[in-house]
C-alpha atoms as a PDB file:
ATOM      1  CA  MET A   1       0.899 -32.617  15.392  1.00  0.00           C
ATOM      2  CA  GLU A   2       0.415 -34.014  11.887  1.00  0.00           C
ATOM      3  CA  LEU A   3      -0.673 -31.644   9.165  1.00  0.00           C
ATOM      4  CA  SER A   4      -2.517 -32.664   6.044  1.00  0.00           C
ATOM      5  CA  ASP A   5      -1.246 -31.767   2.576  1.00  0.00           C
ATOM      6  CA  LEU A   6      -3.836 -29.003   2.278  1.00  0.00           C
ATOM      7  CA  GLU A   7      -2.741 -27.465   5.567  1.00  0.00           C
ATOM      8  CA  LYS A   8       0.910 -27.644   4.532  1.00  0.00           C
ATOM      9  CA  ARG A   9       0.111 -25.849   1.272  1.00  0.00           C
ATOM     10  CA  MET A  10      -1.822 -23.181   3.181  1.00  0.00           C
ATOM     11  CA  ILE A  11       1.122 -22.664   5.528  1.00  0.00           C
ATOM     12  CA  THR A  12       3.496 -22.402   2.563  1.00  0.00           C
ATOM     13  CA  ARG A  13       1.204 -19.867   0.891  1.00  0.00           C
ATOM     14  CA  LEU A  14       0.952 -17.784   4.065  1.00  0.00           C
ATOM     15  CA  THR A  15       4.721 -17.849   4.500  1.00  0.00           C
ATOM     16  CA  LYS A  16       5.292 -16.715   0.917  1.00  0.00           C
ATOM     17  CA  ARG A  17       2.738 -13.913   1.302  1.00  0.00           C
ATOM     18  CA  GLN A  18       4.472 -12.690   4.467  1.00  0.00           C
ATOM     19  CA  GLN A  19       7.882 -12.793   2.793  1.00  0.00           C
ATOM     20  CA  PHE A  20       6.526 -10.936  -0.253  1.00  0.00           C
ATOM     21  CA  LEU A  21       5.144  -8.099   1.851  1.00  0.00           C
ATOM     22  CA  VAL A  22       8.340  -7.744   3.865  1.00  0.00           C
ATOM     23  CA  ARG A  23      10.520  -7.935   0.751  1.00  0.00           C
ATOM     24  CA  TRP A  24       8.606  -5.294  -1.244  1.00  0.00           C
ATOM     25  CA  ARG A  25       7.591  -2.907   1.538  1.00  0.00           C
ATOM     26  CA  TRP A  26      10.212  -0.272   0.663  1.00  0.00           C
ATOM     27  CA  VAL A  27       9.221  -0.273  -2.999  1.00  0.00           C
ATOM     28  CA  GLY A  28       5.586   0.115  -2.001  1.00  0.00           C
ATOM     29  CA  LEU A  29       6.399   2.926   0.404  1.00  0.00           C
ATOM     30  CA  ILE A  30       8.410   4.826  -2.200  1.00  0.00           C
ATOM     31  CA  GLY A  31       5.663   4.361  -4.801  1.00  0.00           C
ATOM     32  CA  SER A  32       3.007   5.522  -2.356  1.00  0.00           C
ATOM     33  CA  LEU A  33       5.005   8.604  -1.452  1.00  0.00           C
ATOM     34  CA  VAL A  34       5.468   9.379  -5.156  1.00  0.00           C
ATOM     35  CA  TYR A  35       1.682   9.182  -5.606  1.00  0.00           C
ATOM     36  CA  ALA A  36       1.179  11.559  -2.681  1.00  0.00           C
ATOM     37  CA  VAL A  37       3.816  14.044  -3.937  1.00  0.00           C
ATOM     38  CA  VAL A  38       2.526  14.000  -7.524  1.00  0.00           C
ATOM     39  CA  GLY A  39      -0.999  14.512  -6.261  1.00  0.00           C
ATOM     40  CA  LEU A  40       0.062  17.390  -4.039  1.00  0.00           C
ATOM     41  CA  CYS A  41       1.977  19.010  -6.915  1.00  0.00           C
ATOM     42  CA  GLY A  42      -1.076  18.620  -9.134  1.00  0.00           C
ATOM     43  CA  ILE A  43      -3.256  20.309  -6.534  1.00  0.00           C
ATOM     44  CA  VAL A  44      -0.795  23.207  -6.228  1.00  0.00           C
ATOM     45  CA  PHE A  45      -0.550  23.461 -10.033  1.00  0.00           C
ATOM     46  CA  SER A  46      -4.319  23.520 -10.456  1.00  0.00           C
ATOM     47  CA  LEU A  47      -4.710  26.196  -7.772  1.00  0.00           C
ATOM     48  CA  HIS A  48      -1.980  28.253  -9.435  1.00  0.00           C
ATOM     49  CA  PHE A  49      -3.687  27.774 -12.813  1.00  0.00           C
ATOM     50  CA  LEU A  50      -6.911  29.236 -11.368  1.00  0.00           C
ATOM     51  CA  SER A  51      -5.361  32.695 -11.100  1.00  0.00           C
ATOM     52  CA  GLY A  52      -5.111  32.993 -14.904  1.00  0.00           C
ATOM     53  CA  GLN A  53      -7.703  34.709 -17.099  1.00  0.00           C
ATOM     54  CA  GLU A  54      -8.018  32.035 -19.794  1.00  0.00           C
ATOM     55  CA  THR A  55     -11.411  30.594 -20.639  1.00  0.00           C
ATOM     56  CA  THR A  56     -10.116  27.038 -20.788  1.00  0.00           C
ATOM     57  CA  ARG A  57      -9.347  26.977 -17.083  1.00  0.00           C
ATOM     58  CA  GLU A  58     -12.977  26.171 -16.270  1.00  0.00           C
ATOM     59  CA  VAL A  59     -12.530  22.854 -18.066  1.00  0.00           C
ATOM     60  CA  ILE A  60      -8.921  21.987 -17.260  1.00  0.00           C
ATOM     61  CA  VAL A  61      -8.755  22.887 -13.571  1.00  0.00           C
ATOM     62  CA  PRO A  62     -11.510  20.530 -12.358  1.00  0.00           C
ATOM     63  CA  CYS A  63      -9.978  17.618 -14.269  1.00  0.00           C
ATOM     64  CA  ILE A  64      -6.480  18.281 -12.971  1.00  0.00           C
ATOM     65  CA  PHE A  65      -7.720  18.910  -9.441  1.00  0.00           C
ATOM     66  CA  ALA A  66      -9.804  15.718  -9.345  1.00  0.00           C
ATOM     67  CA  ALA A  67      -6.972  13.565 -10.663  1.00  0.00           C
ATOM     68  CA  ALA A  68      -4.448  15.179  -8.323  1.00  0.00           C
ATOM     69  CA  LEU A  69      -6.721  14.781  -5.316  1.00  0.00           C
ATOM     70  CA  GLY A  70      -7.315  11.148  -6.218  1.00  0.00           C
ATOM     71  CA  LEU A  71      -3.569  10.471  -6.500  1.00  0.00           C
ATOM     72  CA  PHE A  72      -2.899  12.232  -3.209  1.00  0.00           C
ATOM     73  CA  VAL A  73      -5.591  10.287  -1.342  1.00  0.00           C
ATOM     74  CA  LEU A  74      -4.438   6.993  -2.885  1.00  0.00           C
ATOM     75  CA  GLY A  75      -0.859   7.722  -1.850  1.00  0.00           C
ATOM     76  CA  VAL A  76      -1.836   8.550   1.720  1.00  0.00           C
ATOM     77  CA  VAL A  77      -4.011   5.433   2.034  1.00  0.00           C
ATOM     78  CA  LEU A  78      -1.222   3.205   0.687  1.00  0.00           C
ATOM     79  CA  VAL A  79       1.333   4.766   3.050  1.00  0.00           C
ATOM     80  CA  ALA A  80      -0.998   4.183   5.996  1.00  0.00           C
ATOM     81  CA  TYR A  81      -1.598   0.553   4.971  1.00  0.00           C
ATOM     82  CA  LEU A  82       2.121  -0.126   4.573  1.00  0.00           C
ATOM     83  CA  LEU A  83       3.003   1.470   7.886  1.00  0.00           C
ATOM     84  CA  LEU A  84       0.300  -0.495   9.697  1.00  0.00           C
ATOM     85  CA  ASN A  85       1.460  -3.772   8.110  1.00  0.00           C
ATOM     86  CA  TRP A  86       5.187  -3.010   8.007  1.00  0.00           C
ATOM     87  CA  ASN A  87       6.287  -6.452   9.223  1.00  0.00           C
ATOM     88  CA  GLY A  88       3.365  -8.312   7.689  1.00  0.00           C
ATOM     89  CA  ASP A  89       0.039  -9.258   9.184  1.00  0.00           C
ATOM     90  CA  CYS A  90       0.513  -9.767  12.920  1.00  0.00           C
ATOM     91  CA  GLN A  91      -2.114 -12.538  13.152  1.00  0.00           C
ATOM     92  CA  THR A  92      -0.481 -14.470  10.315  1.00  0.00           C
ATOM     93  CA  ARG A  93       2.951 -14.036  11.885  1.00  0.00           C
ATOM     94  CA  LEU A  94       1.629 -15.348  15.204  1.00  0.00           C
ATOM     95  CA  LEU A  95      -0.083 -18.307  13.529  1.00  0.00           C
ATOM     96  CA  LEU A  96       3.066 -19.250  11.607  1.00  0.00           C
ATOM     97  CA  ARG A  97       5.173 -18.936  14.751  1.00  0.00           C
ATOM     98  CA  LEU A  98       2.769 -21.178  16.722  1.00  0.00           C
ATOM     99  CA  ILE A  99       2.784 -23.805  13.982  1.00  0.00           C
ATOM    100  CA  GLU A 100       6.580 -23.724  13.795  1.00  0.00           C
ATOM    101  CA  ASP A 101       6.904 -24.028  17.584  1.00  0.00           C
ATOM    102  CA  SER A 102       4.449 -26.918  17.734  1.00  0.00           C
ATOM    103  CA  GLN A 103       6.342 -28.775  15.007  1.00  0.00           C
ATOM    104  CA  ASN A 104       9.671 -28.170  16.758  1.00  0.00           C
ATOM    105  CA  ASP A 105       8.282 -29.402  20.098  1.00  0.00           C
ATOM    106  CA  GLY A 106       6.653 -32.474  18.601  1.00  0.00           C
END
């Protein structure tokens, strides 16, 4: 099977994207877990700050809580995405394997 130049460039791009995801998956997982932990600590801190009698807590607590909740949700979503695509996109892996097998057979 002969591939055009455009198809060869697309295959090269897909291969590089797969290698990038596999190469940086641990860094992404650690960063995502840091987001989740920082968000969880911020939530605990804001709930602890609520027990005080200061008047500024009505302003500070909602800001801290919203930012912490956002970080926690972002961290959980990124962890889920990385775990689902741990070895790269399965359809792209299958496509690249089929193209490689067809070139080796031909």
